[in-house]
């Protein structure tokens, strides 16, 4: 394991996605946040839902996941937001060094 993760979350609006991304970057909880529009299909309250959402791909240290998760929860409009971390098992050394240099150490 490299010690880094990509955290995924989705939001209902671009404004909410931008606010979460800006907060994570400002607090040095993420090195990079990519935002893209997606068409989501999921089961909620027993029915298939079809929604346009914003997907955030948040690059950070694995040790910061709980702080990132807590920050997203405080800002998110969903009752049960997707907040999952995918491990970065390998990566370019220069990129991972940059990621480490712009994120704060785990508290």
N, C-alpha and C. Protein backbone atom coordinates (compact mmCIF):
# COMPACT_ATOMS: atom_id res chain seq x y z
N UNK A 1 0.85 -1.19 0.00
CA UNK A 1 0.00 0.00 0.00
C UNK A 1 0.88 1.24 0.00
N UNK A 2 0.41 2.26 -0.69
CA UNK A 2 1.18 3.49 -0.82
C UNK A 2 0.91 4.47 0.31
N UNK A 3 -0.18 4.29 1.05
CA UNK A 3 -0.54 5.24 2.09
C UNK A 3 -1.45 6.35 1.59
N UNK A 4 -1.94 6.19 0.37
CA UNK A 4 -2.81 7.20 -0.23
C UNK A 4 -4.10 6.56 -0.72
N UNK A 5 -5.15 7.37 -0.80
CA UNK A 5 -6.45 6.89 -1.25
C UNK A 5 -7.09 7.92 -2.17
N UNK A 6 -8.05 7.44 -2.94
CA UNK A 6 -8.97 8.30 -3.66
C UNK A 6 -10.32 8.13 -2.98
N UNK A 7 -10.85 9.21 -2.45
CA UNK A 7 -12.15 9.19 -1.79
C UNK A 7 -13.19 9.62 -2.81
N UNK A 8 -14.29 8.87 -2.89
CA UNK A 8 -15.38 9.20 -3.79
C UNK A 8 -16.59 9.67 -3.00
N UNK A 9 -17.21 10.71 -3.51
CA UNK A 9 -18.51 11.14 -3.01
C UNK A 9 -19.26 11.76 -4.17
N UNK A 10 -20.58 11.78 -4.07
CA UNK A 10 -21.40 12.43 -5.09
C UNK A 10 -22.26 13.47 -4.41
N UNK A 11 -22.60 14.51 -5.16
CA UNK A 11 -23.48 15.56 -4.66
C UNK A 11 -24.59 15.82 -5.66
N UNK A 12 -25.63 16.47 -5.18
CA UNK A 12 -26.78 16.77 -6.03
C UNK A 12 -26.53 17.96 -6.95
N UNK A 13 -25.64 18.87 -6.53
CA UNK A 13 -25.43 20.08 -7.32
C UNK A 13 -23.95 20.38 -7.51
N UNK A 14 -23.67 21.13 -8.55
CA UNK A 14 -22.30 21.57 -8.80
C UNK A 14 -21.82 22.50 -7.70
N UNK A 15 -22.69 23.36 -7.19
CA UNK A 15 -22.31 24.30 -6.14
C UNK A 15 -21.87 23.55 -4.88
N UNK A 16 -22.59 22.50 -4.51
CA UNK A 16 -22.23 21.71 -3.34
C UNK A 16 -20.89 21.01 -3.57
N UNK A 17 -20.68 20.48 -4.75
CA UNK A 17 -19.41 19.82 -5.08
C UNK A 17 -18.26 20.80 -4.98
N UNK A 18 -18.44 21.98 -5.53
CA UNK A 18 -17.40 23.02 -5.48
C UNK A 18 -17.09 23.42 -4.05
N UNK A 19 -18.12 23.58 -3.23
CA UNK A 19 -17.91 23.99 -1.84
C UNK A 19 -17.12 22.93 -1.07
N UNK A 20 -17.47 21.66 -1.25
CA UNK A 20 -16.75 20.59 -0.58
C UNK A 20 -15.30 20.54 -1.06
N UNK A 21 -15.10 20.62 -2.37
CA UNK A 21 -13.75 20.59 -2.93
C UNK A 21 -12.91 21.74 -2.38
N UNK A 22 -13.47 22.94 -2.40
CA UNK A 22 -12.74 24.11 -1.91
C UNK A 22 -12.36 23.97 -0.44
N UNK A 23 -13.27 23.46 0.38
CA UNK A 23 -13.00 23.29 1.81
C UNK A 23 -11.89 22.26 2.04
N UNK A 24 -11.95 21.15 1.34
CA UNK A 24 -10.93 20.11 1.51
C UNK A 24 -9.55 20.62 1.10
N UNK A 25 -9.49 21.37 0.02
CA UNK A 25 -8.22 21.93 -0.44
C UNK A 25 -7.71 22.99 0.52
N UNK A 26 -8.59 23.87 0.96
CA UNK A 26 -8.20 24.95 1.87
C UNK A 26 -7.64 24.42 3.19
N UNK A 27 -8.18 23.31 3.65
CA UNK A 27 -7.75 22.73 4.92
C UNK A 27 -6.63 21.69 4.75
N UNK A 28 -6.08 21.61 3.55
CA UNK A 28 -5.00 20.68 3.22
C UNK A 28 -5.38 19.24 3.50
N UNK A 29 -6.65 18.93 3.30
CA UNK A 29 -7.14 17.56 3.46
C UNK A 29 -7.09 16.78 2.15
N UNK A 30 -6.87 17.49 1.05
CA UNK A 30 -6.79 16.86 -0.26
C UNK A 30 -5.74 17.59 -1.08
N UNK A 31 -5.09 16.84 -1.95
CA UNK A 31 -4.14 17.44 -2.88
C UNK A 31 -4.83 17.85 -4.16
N UNK A 32 -5.88 17.12 -4.51
CA UNK A 32 -6.57 17.34 -5.78
C UNK A 32 -7.99 16.82 -5.62
N UNK A 33 -8.94 17.56 -6.17
CA UNK A 33 -10.33 17.10 -6.23
C UNK A 33 -10.81 17.29 -7.65
N UNK A 34 -11.16 16.21 -8.30
CA UNK A 34 -11.72 16.28 -9.64
C UNK A 34 -13.23 16.15 -9.53
N UNK A 35 -13.94 16.96 -10.31
CA UNK A 35 -15.40 16.96 -10.28
C UNK A 35 -15.90 16.71 -11.70
N UNK A 36 -16.81 15.76 -11.81
CA UNK A 36 -17.38 15.45 -13.12
C UNK A 36 -18.86 15.14 -12.97
N UNK A 37 -19.61 15.42 -14.01
CA UNK A 37 -21.04 15.09 -13.99
C UNK A 37 -21.21 13.61 -14.29
N UNK A 38 -22.12 12.98 -13.56
CA UNK A 38 -22.45 11.58 -13.78
C UNK A 38 -23.96 11.39 -13.76
N UNK A 39 -24.40 10.32 -14.37
CA UNK A 39 -25.80 9.91 -14.29
C UNK A 39 -25.84 8.71 -13.37
N UNK A 40 -26.45 8.86 -12.22
CA UNK A 40 -26.46 7.80 -11.21
C UNK A 40 -27.78 7.04 -11.22
N UNK A 41 -27.67 5.75 -10.99
CA UNK A 41 -28.83 4.87 -10.82
C UNK A 41 -28.58 4.12 -9.51
N UNK A 42 -29.55 4.16 -8.61
CA UNK A 42 -29.37 3.51 -7.32
C UNK A 42 -30.74 3.20 -6.72
N UNK A 43 -30.75 2.28 -5.77
CA UNK A 43 -31.99 1.93 -5.07
C UNK A 43 -32.06 2.75 -3.80
N UNK A 44 -33.17 3.45 -3.60
CA UNK A 44 -33.39 4.24 -2.39
C UNK A 44 -34.86 4.10 -2.01
N UNK A 45 -35.11 3.73 -0.78
CA UNK A 45 -36.47 3.52 -0.29
C UNK A 45 -37.25 2.55 -1.18
N UNK A 46 -36.58 1.49 -1.63
CA UNK A 46 -37.23 0.42 -2.38
C UNK A 46 -37.49 0.71 -3.84
N UNK A 47 -37.02 1.84 -4.35
CA UNK A 47 -37.27 2.16 -5.76
C UNK A 47 -35.96 2.59 -6.43
N UNK A 48 -35.86 2.29 -7.71
CA UNK A 48 -34.70 2.71 -8.47
C UNK A 48 -34.81 4.21 -8.75
N UNK A 49 -33.75 4.92 -8.39
CA UNK A 49 -33.69 6.36 -8.61
C UNK A 49 -32.77 6.65 -9.79
N UNK A 50 -33.08 7.71 -10.50
CA UNK A 50 -32.26 8.16 -11.63
C UNK A 50 -31.99 9.65 -11.42
N UNK A 51 -30.72 9.96 -11.21
CA UNK A 51 -30.36 11.35 -10.86
C UNK A 51 -29.10 11.78 -11.60
N UNK A 52 -29.05 13.04 -11.92
CA UNK A 52 -27.79 13.66 -12.35
C UNK A 52 -27.08 14.09 -11.08
N UNK A 53 -25.82 13.73 -10.97
CA UNK A 53 -25.05 14.07 -9.79
C UNK A 53 -23.66 14.55 -10.21
N UNK A 54 -22.95 15.09 -9.23
CA UNK A 54 -21.55 15.48 -9.40
C UNK A 54 -20.71 14.46 -8.64
N UNK A 55 -19.73 13.88 -9.30
CA UNK A 55 -18.82 12.92 -8.67
C UNK A 55 -17.52 13.62 -8.33
N UNK A 56 -17.12 13.52 -7.08
CA UNK A 56 -15.84 14.08 -6.63
C UNK A 56 -14.86 12.94 -6.44
N UNK A 57 -13.69 13.07 -7.03
CA UNK A 57 -12.57 12.14 -6.85
C UNK A 57 -11.52 12.90 -6.06
N UNK A 58 -11.36 12.53 -4.81
CA UNK A 58 -10.55 13.28 -3.85
C UNK A 58 -9.28 12.50 -3.56
N UNK A 59 -8.12 13.07 -3.91
CA UNK A 59 -6.84 12.41 -3.67
C UNK A 59 -6.28 12.90 -2.35
N UNK A 60 -5.97 11.95 -1.44
CA UNK A 60 -5.49 12.33 -0.12
C UNK A 60 -4.67 11.21 0.50
N UNK A 61 -4.16 11.48 1.69
CA UNK A 61 -3.46 10.46 2.48
C UNK A 61 -4.49 9.52 3.11
N UNK A 62 -4.18 8.25 3.16
CA UNK A 62 -5.09 7.29 3.80
C UNK A 62 -5.33 7.66 5.26
N UNK A 63 -4.31 8.16 5.92
CA UNK A 63 -4.43 8.51 7.34
C UNK A 63 -5.38 9.68 7.58
N UNK A 64 -5.71 10.44 6.53
CA UNK A 64 -6.64 11.57 6.67
C UNK A 64 -8.08 11.20 6.36
N UNK A 65 -8.34 9.92 6.03
CA UNK A 65 -9.69 9.55 5.60
C UNK A 65 -10.77 9.96 6.60
N UNK A 66 -10.59 9.68 7.87
CA UNK A 66 -11.65 9.99 8.85
C UNK A 66 -11.90 11.49 8.95
N UNK A 67 -10.86 12.30 8.83
CA UNK A 67 -11.04 13.75 8.87
C UNK A 67 -11.77 14.21 7.60
N UNK A 68 -11.39 13.66 6.46
CA UNK A 68 -12.06 13.98 5.20
C UNK A 68 -13.52 13.55 5.27
N UNK A 69 -13.77 12.35 5.76
CA UNK A 69 -15.14 11.84 5.88
C UNK A 69 -15.97 12.78 6.75
N UNK A 70 -15.44 13.17 7.89
CA UNK A 70 -16.17 14.05 8.80
C UNK A 70 -16.46 15.40 8.15
N UNK A 71 -15.49 15.94 7.42
CA UNK A 71 -15.70 17.23 6.75
C UNK A 71 -16.80 17.12 5.71
N UNK A 72 -16.76 16.06 4.92
CA UNK A 72 -17.81 15.87 3.90
C UNK A 72 -19.17 15.77 4.57
N UNK A 73 -19.26 14.98 5.64
CA UNK A 73 -20.55 14.81 6.34
C UNK A 73 -21.11 16.14 6.83
N UNK A 74 -20.25 17.04 7.32
CA UNK A 74 -20.75 18.32 7.84
C UNK A 74 -21.26 19.23 6.72
N UNK A 75 -20.80 19.02 5.51
CA UNK A 75 -21.17 19.90 4.40
C UNK A 75 -22.20 19.31 3.45
N UNK A 76 -22.43 18.01 3.54
CA UNK A 76 -23.23 17.29 2.54
C UNK A 76 -24.72 17.41 2.81
N UNK A 77 -25.49 17.52 1.74
CA UNK A 77 -26.95 17.65 1.88
C UNK A 77 -27.67 16.31 1.95
N UNK A 78 -27.02 15.22 1.57
CA UNK A 78 -27.68 13.90 1.59
C UNK A 78 -27.72 13.36 3.02
N UNK A 79 -28.78 12.62 3.34
CA UNK A 79 -28.86 11.93 4.62
C UNK A 79 -27.80 10.83 4.73
N UNK A 80 -27.57 10.14 3.62
CA UNK A 80 -26.62 9.04 3.58
C UNK A 80 -25.70 9.21 2.37
N UNK A 81 -24.72 10.10 2.47
CA UNK A 81 -23.86 10.31 1.31
C UNK A 81 -22.89 9.15 1.08
N UNK A 82 -22.60 8.94 -0.16
CA UNK A 82 -21.52 8.00 -0.51
C UNK A 82 -20.21 8.65 -0.07
N UNK A 83 -19.47 7.97 0.77
CA UNK A 83 -18.11 8.39 1.12
C UNK A 83 -17.30 7.11 1.24
N UNK A 84 -16.57 6.78 0.20
CA UNK A 84 -15.78 5.55 0.19
C UNK A 84 -14.35 5.88 -0.23
N UNK A 85 -13.41 5.12 0.30
CA UNK A 85 -12.01 5.30 -0.05
C UNK A 85 -11.51 4.09 -0.82
N UNK A 86 -10.89 4.36 -1.94
CA UNK A 86 -10.26 3.32 -2.74
C UNK A 86 -8.75 3.46 -2.57
N UNK A 87 -8.07 2.40 -2.18
CA UNK A 87 -6.63 2.52 -1.96
C UNK A 87 -5.88 2.74 -3.26
N UNK A 88 -4.89 3.59 -3.20
CA UNK A 88 -3.95 3.75 -4.31
C UNK A 88 -2.82 2.77 -4.01
N UNK A 89 -2.81 1.67 -4.71
CA UNK A 89 -1.85 0.61 -4.39
C UNK A 89 -0.47 0.89 -4.98
N UNK A 90 -0.42 1.71 -6.00
CA UNK A 90 0.85 2.11 -6.60
C UNK A 90 0.62 3.41 -7.35
N UNK A 91 1.68 4.16 -7.54
CA UNK A 91 1.56 5.40 -8.29
C UNK A 91 2.92 5.95 -8.63
N UNK A 92 2.94 6.91 -9.53
CA UNK A 92 4.17 7.57 -9.91
C UNK A 92 4.79 8.24 -8.69
N UNK A 93 6.04 8.01 -8.46
CA UNK A 93 6.71 8.55 -7.29
C UNK A 93 6.64 10.06 -7.19
N UNK A 94 6.81 10.76 -8.30
CA UNK A 94 6.74 12.22 -8.27
C UNK A 94 5.35 12.69 -7.89
N UNK A 95 4.32 12.03 -8.43
CA UNK A 95 2.94 12.41 -8.11
C UNK A 95 2.65 12.16 -6.63
N UNK A 96 3.05 11.02 -6.13
CA UNK A 96 2.78 10.72 -4.71
C UNK A 96 3.57 11.64 -3.78
N UNK A 97 4.78 12.02 -4.17
CA UNK A 97 5.54 12.99 -3.38
C UNK A 97 4.83 14.34 -3.35
N UNK A 98 4.31 14.77 -4.48
CA UNK A 98 3.54 16.02 -4.54
C UNK A 98 2.31 15.91 -3.65
N UNK A 99 1.58 14.80 -3.75
CA UNK A 99 0.38 14.61 -2.93
C UNK A 99 0.73 14.75 -1.46
N UNK A 100 1.82 14.12 -1.04
CA UNK A 100 2.25 14.20 0.35
C UNK A 100 2.62 15.63 0.73
N UNK A 101 3.26 16.36 -0.18
CA UNK A 101 3.76 17.69 0.15
C UNK A 101 2.65 18.73 0.31
N UNK A 102 1.49 18.52 -0.29
CA UNK A 102 0.43 19.53 -0.22
C UNK A 102 -0.72 19.15 0.71
N UNK A 103 -0.62 18.00 1.36
CA UNK A 103 -1.62 17.61 2.35
C UNK A 103 -0.98 17.62 3.72
N UNK A 104 -1.80 17.91 4.72
CA UNK A 104 -1.25 17.97 6.07
C UNK A 104 -1.01 16.56 6.60
N UNK A 105 -0.16 16.47 7.57
CA UNK A 105 0.10 15.19 8.22
C UNK A 105 -1.15 14.77 8.99
N UNK A 106 -1.30 13.48 9.17
CA UNK A 106 -2.44 12.97 9.94
C UNK A 106 -2.33 13.47 11.37
N UNK A 107 -3.47 13.79 11.94
CA UNK A 107 -3.50 14.34 13.31
C UNK A 107 -3.71 13.25 14.32
